[in-house]
Amino acid sequence: MSAITVRVPAKVNLQLAVGPLREDGYHDLVNVFHAVSLFDEVTAAEPFDPAPGRDPSAASLGVRVEGDLAGEVPVSDDNLAVRAARALADRTGRSYRADLLIRKSIPVAGGMAGGSADAAAALVACNELWGLGLPREDLMEIAADIGSDVPFALLGGTAVGTGRGERLAPLETAGVFHWVFALADGGLSTPRVYGECDRLREEAGVAAPTPAVSEALLAALREGDVRALGQALSNDLQPAALALRPSLANTLAAGREHGALGALVSGSGPTCAFLAESAERAHELAALIKNVDGCRSVVTASGPVPGATVAG
């Protein structure tokens, strides 16, 4: 095969419970992931002929990015898709070559795991392109070394993540849930948001609790109860995100005022997520909040959807 395209979804965190800071610099988490129908595509292709004088069998991994968000994505070795492809090659002990093309729709640094999604897609695409035949379990191990959210982008659906979020257990869900995402100008650094969370807790003299999954949330998912799900949404990072980006409070308030059943900052932000009663109500809500100050644009999506999948 000369090229493989993989479609991979964004995620929203239905619950993000953040425990104490660990010695390794991470936090123990309970992270209920939910994959939604906002997708990036990553194509891995055999490279064009190399420059004159270059060994055509030498390892080479290049990356290009297309879409409105292309300028916000690194095209260096720091790109998570490149890191994922290189980790996959290292796993086999051989040198491989590929050109990666990322078509971006998931917000960059928006709390929806766009970079992690691209890494997961690159793993699946290069595994196919290079004919490695590694099972999904092996790809999940590689993914966990790249980043805490990468394994879920492979899995998709709805799942609870523990540890630093990389240990996953699928969750039973009923029905389809409809969402509106308000995208903000600029991103928020995930490490900075976690650091602010620690600072706010220390300032308030509040010890970080041991994270635990919400039984109300699990019941709402099992029963497909959209109203109960809206009431059960929670994010321990939200106060930190609001402290760093106060304008997000106006966006959340506008969504609630216009009938969202639940509203929260997605992950480390700054994207705000609103749960709607139906697809029709989601489109109505999107139209009502699109002009709120600090809101760059809005998109609607539904979930759960599968993880990284080779495009037909």
Protein backbone atom coordinates (compact mmCIF):
# COMPACT_ATOMS: atom_id res chain seq x y z
CA MET A 1 0.00 0.00 0.00
CA SER A 2 1.30 3.45 -0.90
CA ALA A 3 -0.92 5.47 1.49
CA ILE A 4 -3.20 4.83 4.47
CA THR A 5 -5.67 7.34 5.90
CA VAL A 6 -6.98 7.05 9.46
CA ARG A 7 -9.81 9.06 10.97
CA VAL A 8 -9.61 9.75 14.70
CA PRO A 9 -12.04 11.52 17.06
CA ALA A 10 -11.76 14.27 19.63
CA LYS A 11 -12.68 13.57 23.24
CA VAL A 12 -14.56 15.34 25.98
CA ASN A 13 -13.98 14.53 29.64
CA LEU A 14 -17.29 13.73 31.33
CA GLN A 15 -15.48 13.52 34.66
CA LEU A 16 -11.91 14.54 35.45
CA ALA A 17 -11.00 13.90 39.08
CA VAL A 18 -7.47 14.99 39.91
CA GLY A 19 -5.62 13.47 42.85
CA PRO A 20 -2.37 14.52 44.55
CA LEU A 21 0.82 15.31 42.65
CA ARG A 22 2.97 12.17 42.35
CA GLU A 23 6.75 11.93 42.61
CA ASP A 24 6.99 11.40 38.84
CA GLY A 25 5.32 14.77 38.22
CA TYR A 26 1.96 13.33 37.18
CA HIS A 27 -1.32 13.22 39.12
CA ASP A 28 -3.44 10.19 39.86
CA LEU A 29 -6.62 10.61 37.85
CA VAL A 30 -10.06 9.25 37.31
CA ASN A 31 -10.82 10.38 33.78
CA VAL A 32 -14.07 9.44 32.06
CA PHE A 33 -13.36 9.87 28.36
CA HIS A 34 -16.07 10.20 25.70
CA ALA A 35 -15.19 10.19 21.99
CA VAL A 36 -17.19 12.62 19.84
CA SER A 37 -17.76 13.10 16.13
CA LEU A 38 -15.21 15.84 15.56
CA PHE A 39 -12.37 14.25 13.62
CA ASP A 40 -8.82 14.70 12.41
CA GLU A 41 -7.48 12.63 9.54
CA VAL A 42 -3.89 11.44 9.29
CA THR A 43 -2.52 9.97 6.06
CA ALA A 44 0.75 8.04 6.10
CA ALA A 45 2.29 7.67 2.64
CA GLU A 46 5.46 6.36 1.10
CA PRO A 47 7.78 9.37 0.72
CA PHE A 48 8.62 10.93 -2.59
CA ASP A 49 12.09 10.30 -3.98
CA PRO A 50 14.67 11.72 -1.57
CA ALA A 51 17.02 14.56 -2.37
CA PRO A 52 19.92 13.76 -4.73
CA GLY A 53 22.70 11.90 -2.97
CA ARG A 54 20.51 10.73 -0.12
CA ASP A 55 20.17 7.02 0.61
CA PRO A 56 16.61 6.12 -0.46
CA SER A 57 16.43 3.46 2.27
CA ALA A 58 17.33 5.86 5.08
CA ALA A 59 14.78 6.50 7.81
CA SER A 60 12.64 9.57 7.10
CA LEU A 61 9.52 10.90 8.79
CA GLY A 62 8.05 14.15 7.51
CA VAL A 63 4.82 15.90 8.45
CA ARG A 64 2.51 18.46 6.85
CA VAL A 65 -0.66 19.95 8.28
CA GLU A 66 -3.75 21.21 6.45
CA GLY A 67 -6.83 23.06 7.69
CA ASP A 68 -7.71 26.33 9.40
CA LEU A 69 -5.66 25.32 12.45
CA ALA A 70 -2.56 24.27 10.52
CA GLY A 71 -0.48 27.23 11.64
CA GLU A 72 -0.87 26.22 15.29
CA VAL A 73 0.58 22.71 14.85
CA PRO A 74 4.35 22.05 14.94
CA VAL A 75 5.82 20.35 11.87
CA SER A 76 9.04 19.36 13.63
CA ASP A 77 10.11 16.29 15.59
CA ASP A 78 7.98 17.67 18.45
CA ASN A 79 4.81 16.80 16.56
CA LEU A 80 3.09 13.95 18.43
CA ALA A 81 2.25 12.12 15.21
CA VAL A 82 5.93 12.09 14.24
CA ARG A 83 6.88 10.92 17.73
CA ALA A 84 4.31 8.14 17.49
CA ALA A 85 5.57 6.95 14.10
CA ARG A 86 9.15 6.99 15.36
CA ALA A 87 8.18 5.04 18.49
CA LEU A 88 6.47 2.45 16.31
CA ALA A 89 9.57 2.10 14.15
CA ASP A 90 11.77 1.82 17.24
CA ARG A 91 9.53 -0.94 18.58
CA THR A 92 10.43 -3.08 15.55
CA GLY A 93 14.14 -2.24 15.63
CA ARG A 94 14.08 -1.17 11.99
CA SER A 95 14.13 2.06 10.01
CA TYR A 96 10.99 3.12 8.18
CA ARG A 97 10.03 6.07 6.03
CA ALA A 98 6.74 7.92 5.75
CA ASP A 99 5.25 11.29 4.92
CA LEU A 100 2.45 12.21 7.34
CA LEU A 101 -0.37 14.55 6.32
CA ILE A 102 -2.61 15.79 9.16
CA ARG A 103 -5.96 17.36 8.29
CA LYS A 104 -6.91 19.29 11.42
CA SER A 105 -10.41 19.88 12.70
CA ILE A 106 -9.91 19.17 16.41
CA PRO A 107 -8.92 22.32 18.33
CA VAL A 108 -5.22 22.76 19.12
CA ALA A 109 -4.41 22.98 22.86
CA GLY A 110 -8.17 23.02 23.41
CA GLY A 111 -8.62 20.25 25.95
CA MET A 112 -9.97 17.80 23.36
CA ALA A 113 -6.78 15.73 22.86
CA GLY A 114 -6.15 16.80 19.27
CA GLY A 115 -2.43 16.09 19.38
CA SER A 116 -3.00 12.77 21.11
CA ALA A 117 -5.59 11.88 18.48
CA ASP A 118 -3.05 12.53 15.71
CA ALA A 119 -0.50 10.34 17.49
CA ALA A 120 -3.01 7.48 17.71
CA ALA A 121 -3.91 7.88 14.04
CA ALA A 122 -0.24 7.83 13.05
CA LEU A 123 0.28 4.58 14.97
CA VAL A 124 -2.60 2.88 13.13
CA ALA A 125 -1.69 4.34 9.74
CA CYS A 126 2.02 3.46 9.91
CA ASN A 127 1.29 0.00 11.29
CA GLU A 128 -0.76 -0.61 8.13
CA LEU A 129 1.56 1.21 5.71
CA TRP A 130 4.63 -0.68 6.90
CA GLY A 131 2.81 -4.02 7.04
CA LEU A 132 3.79 -4.60 10.65
CA GLY A 133 0.58 -6.30 11.71
CA LEU A 134 1.01 -5.34 15.36
CA PRO A 135 -2.17 -6.06 17.38
CA ARG A 136 -4.10 -3.22 18.96
CA GLU A 137 -2.79 -4.27 22.41
CA ASP A 138 0.80 -3.53 21.29
CA LEU A 139 -0.24 -0.18 19.84
CA MET A 140 -1.91 0.67 23.16
CA GLU A 141 1.37 0.03 25.00
CA ILE A 142 3.27 2.31 22.63
CA ALA A 143 0.51 4.91 22.91
CA ALA A 144 0.74 5.02 26.72
CA ASP A 145 4.44 5.92 26.47
CA ILE A 146 3.67 8.82 24.12
CA GLY A 147 0.97 10.51 26.22
CA SER A 148 -1.79 9.85 28.72
CA ASP A 149 -4.64 10.56 26.27
CA VAL A 150 -3.24 8.62 23.29
CA PRO A 151 -4.54 5.17 24.31
CA PHE A 152 -8.12 6.44 24.49
CA ALA A 153 -7.87 7.93 21.00
CA LEU A 154 -7.11 4.39 19.83
CA LEU A 155 -9.97 2.89 21.85
CA GLY A 156 -12.77 5.43 21.40
CA GLY A 157 -16.29 4.97 22.74
CA THR A 158 -16.62 5.85 26.42
CA ALA A 159 -14.10 4.63 28.99
CA VAL A 160 -12.72 5.38 32.43
CA GLY A 161 -9.00 6.02 32.65
CA THR A 162 -7.01 5.60 35.86
CA GLY A 163 -3.37 6.03 36.81
CA ARG A 164 -2.42 9.12 34.83
CA GLY A 165 -5.35 8.30 32.54
CA GLU A 166 -3.67 5.66 30.39
CA ARG A 167 -5.18 2.55 32.05
CA LEU A 168 -8.57 2.18 30.37
CA ALA A 169 -11.76 0.25 31.03
CA PRO A 170 -14.64 0.62 28.54
CA LEU A 171 -17.95 1.80 30.00
CA GLU A 172 -21.45 0.67 29.14
CA THR A 173 -23.49 3.42 27.51
CA ALA A 174 -26.98 3.60 26.04
CA GLY A 175 -28.03 5.92 23.25
CA VAL A 176 -26.32 8.89 21.65
CA PHE A 177 -25.42 12.15 23.38
CA HIS A 178 -25.39 15.50 21.59
CA TRP A 179 -22.84 18.21 22.27
CA VAL A 180 -21.95 21.80 21.46
CA PHE A 181 -18.32 22.88 21.76
CA ALA A 182 -17.41 26.55 22.09
CA LEU A 183 -13.88 27.06 20.79
CA ALA A 184 -11.85 29.88 22.31
CA ASP A 185 -9.14 32.02 20.78
CA GLY A 186 -5.74 30.53 21.61
CA GLY A 187 -5.03 27.48 23.72
CA LEU A 188 -4.14 26.65 27.29
CA SER A 189 -1.03 24.73 28.29
CA THR A 190 -2.01 21.48 30.01
CA PRO A 191 1.00 21.54 32.41
CA ARG A 192 0.19 25.14 33.31
CA VAL A 193 -3.44 24.27 34.11
CA TYR A 194 -2.41 21.35 36.32
CA GLY A 195 0.11 23.61 38.04
CA GLU A 196 -2.58 26.21 38.67
CA CYS A 197 -4.85 23.50 40.08
CA ASP A 198 -2.12 22.56 42.58
CA ARG A 199 -1.52 26.22 43.42
CA LEU A 200 -5.21 26.94 44.05
CA ARG A 201 -5.53 23.92 46.31
CA GLU A 202 -2.43 24.89 48.29
CA GLU A 203 -3.64 28.48 48.59
CA ALA A 204 -7.01 27.30 49.89
CA GLY A 205 -5.41 24.77 52.24
CA VAL A 206 -7.36 21.95 50.55
CA ALA A 207 -5.73 18.54 50.28
CA ALA A 208 -6.16 16.78 46.96
CA PRO A 209 -8.69 13.96 47.40
CA THR A 210 -8.20 10.41 46.22
CA PRO A 211 -9.98 10.40 42.84
CA ALA A 212 -13.03 8.16 42.46
CA VAL A 213 -15.44 7.61 39.60
CA SER A 214 -18.90 9.14 39.99
CA GLU A 215 -21.55 6.46 40.43
CA ALA A 216 -24.20 8.94 39.30
CA LEU A 217 -22.28 9.47 36.07
CA LEU A 218 -21.92 5.73 35.44
CA ALA A 219 -25.65 5.21 36.01
CA ALA A 220 -26.57 8.04 33.64
CA LEU A 221 -24.38 6.54 30.91
CA ARG A 222 -25.78 3.03 31.39
CA GLU A 223 -29.35 4.29 31.25
CA GLY A 224 -28.82 6.84 28.48
CA ASP A 225 -30.30 9.50 30.78
CA VAL A 226 -29.16 12.76 29.23
CA ARG A 227 -30.53 14.98 32.01
CA ALA A 228 -28.84 12.94 34.74
CA LEU A 229 -25.61 12.98 32.72
CA GLY A 230 -25.75 16.76 32.50
CA GLN A 231 -26.05 16.99 36.28
CA ALA A 232 -23.15 14.57 36.82
CA LEU A 233 -20.52 16.25 34.60
CA SER A 234 -17.48 17.44 36.58
CA ASN A 235 -13.92 18.65 36.05
CA ASP A 236 -11.45 19.32 38.86
CA LEU A 237 -9.32 21.37 36.45
CA GLN A 238 -12.13 23.81 35.68
CA PRO A 239 -11.35 26.30 38.50
CA ALA A 240 -7.74 26.46 37.29
CA ALA A 241 -8.77 26.97 33.67
CA LEU A 242 -11.15 29.74 34.72
CA ALA A 243 -8.44 31.39 36.81
CA LEU A 244 -6.12 31.44 33.80
CA ARG A 245 -8.86 32.39 31.30
CA PRO A 246 -11.64 34.25 33.19
CA SER A 247 -13.65 34.85 30.01
CA LEU A 248 -14.59 31.15 29.99
CA ALA A 249 -17.00 31.84 32.86
CA ASN A 250 -19.11 34.00 30.51
CA THR A 251 -19.16 31.24 27.89
CA LEU A 252 -20.27 28.62 30.42
CA ALA A 253 -22.95 30.94 31.81
CA ALA A 254 -24.29 31.67 28.32
CA GLY A 255 -24.61 27.97 27.54
CA ARG A 256 -26.50 27.27 30.76
CA GLU A 257 -28.73 30.33 30.22
CA HIS A 258 -29.71 29.07 26.79
CA GLY A 259 -30.72 25.61 27.95
CA ALA A 260 -27.66 23.37 28.09
CA LEU A 261 -28.33 20.38 30.33
CA GLY A 262 -24.70 20.39 31.43
CA ALA A 263 -21.73 22.68 30.92
CA LEU A 264 -18.05 22.33 31.72
CA VAL A 265 -14.56 23.11 30.49
CA SER A 266 -13.28 20.16 28.48
CA GLY A 267 -10.12 18.73 30.03
CA SER A 268 -7.55 21.45 30.58
CA GLY A 269 -9.51 23.85 28.35
CA PRO A 270 -10.14 26.33 26.96
CA THR A 271 -12.88 24.59 24.93
CA CYS A 272 -16.25 24.63 26.71
CA ALA A 273 -18.58 21.66 26.28
CA PHE A 274 -22.37 21.80 26.51
CA LEU A 275 -24.68 18.80 26.63
CA ALA A 276 -27.94 19.21 24.71
CA GLU A 277 -31.17 17.22 24.89
CA SER A 278 -31.19 16.38 21.17
CA ALA A 279 -29.43 17.08 17.88
CA GLU A 280 -32.00 19.79 17.14
CA ARG A 281 -31.43 21.48 20.50
CA ALA A 282 -27.66 21.27 19.98
CA HIS A 283 -27.92 23.24 16.72
CA GLU A 284 -30.21 25.79 18.36
CA LEU A 285 -27.81 26.20 21.28
CA ALA A 286 -24.83 26.61 18.94
CA ALA A 287 -26.60 29.44 17.14
CA LEU A 288 -27.41 31.18 20.43
CA ILE A 289 -23.89 31.16 21.88
CA LYS A 290 -21.74 31.65 18.78
CA ASN A 291 -21.42 35.42 19.34
CA VAL A 292 -20.50 35.29 23.04
CA ASP A 293 -17.35 37.30 23.82
CA GLY A 294 -14.28 35.05 23.84
CA CYS A 295 -15.95 32.39 21.69
CA ARG A 296 -14.11 32.04 18.36
CA SER A 297 -16.50 29.51 16.87
CA VAL A 298 -18.88 26.70 17.80
CA VAL A 299 -19.29 23.16 16.50
CA THR A 300 -21.79 20.41 17.21
CA ALA A 301 -20.95 16.74 17.61
CA SER A 302 -22.34 13.52 19.03
CA GLY A 303 -20.92 10.55 20.88
CA PRO A 304 -19.80 8.00 21.58
CA VAL A 305 -17.93 7.16 18.36
CA PRO A 306 -15.16 4.62 17.61
CA GLY A 307 -11.47 5.40 18.06
CA ALA A 308 -8.80 5.64 15.35
CA THR A 309 -10.09 3.78 12.29
CA VAL A 310 -8.71 3.21 8.81
CA ALA A 311 -10.85 5.20 6.39
CA GLY A 312 -12.80 3.13 3.90
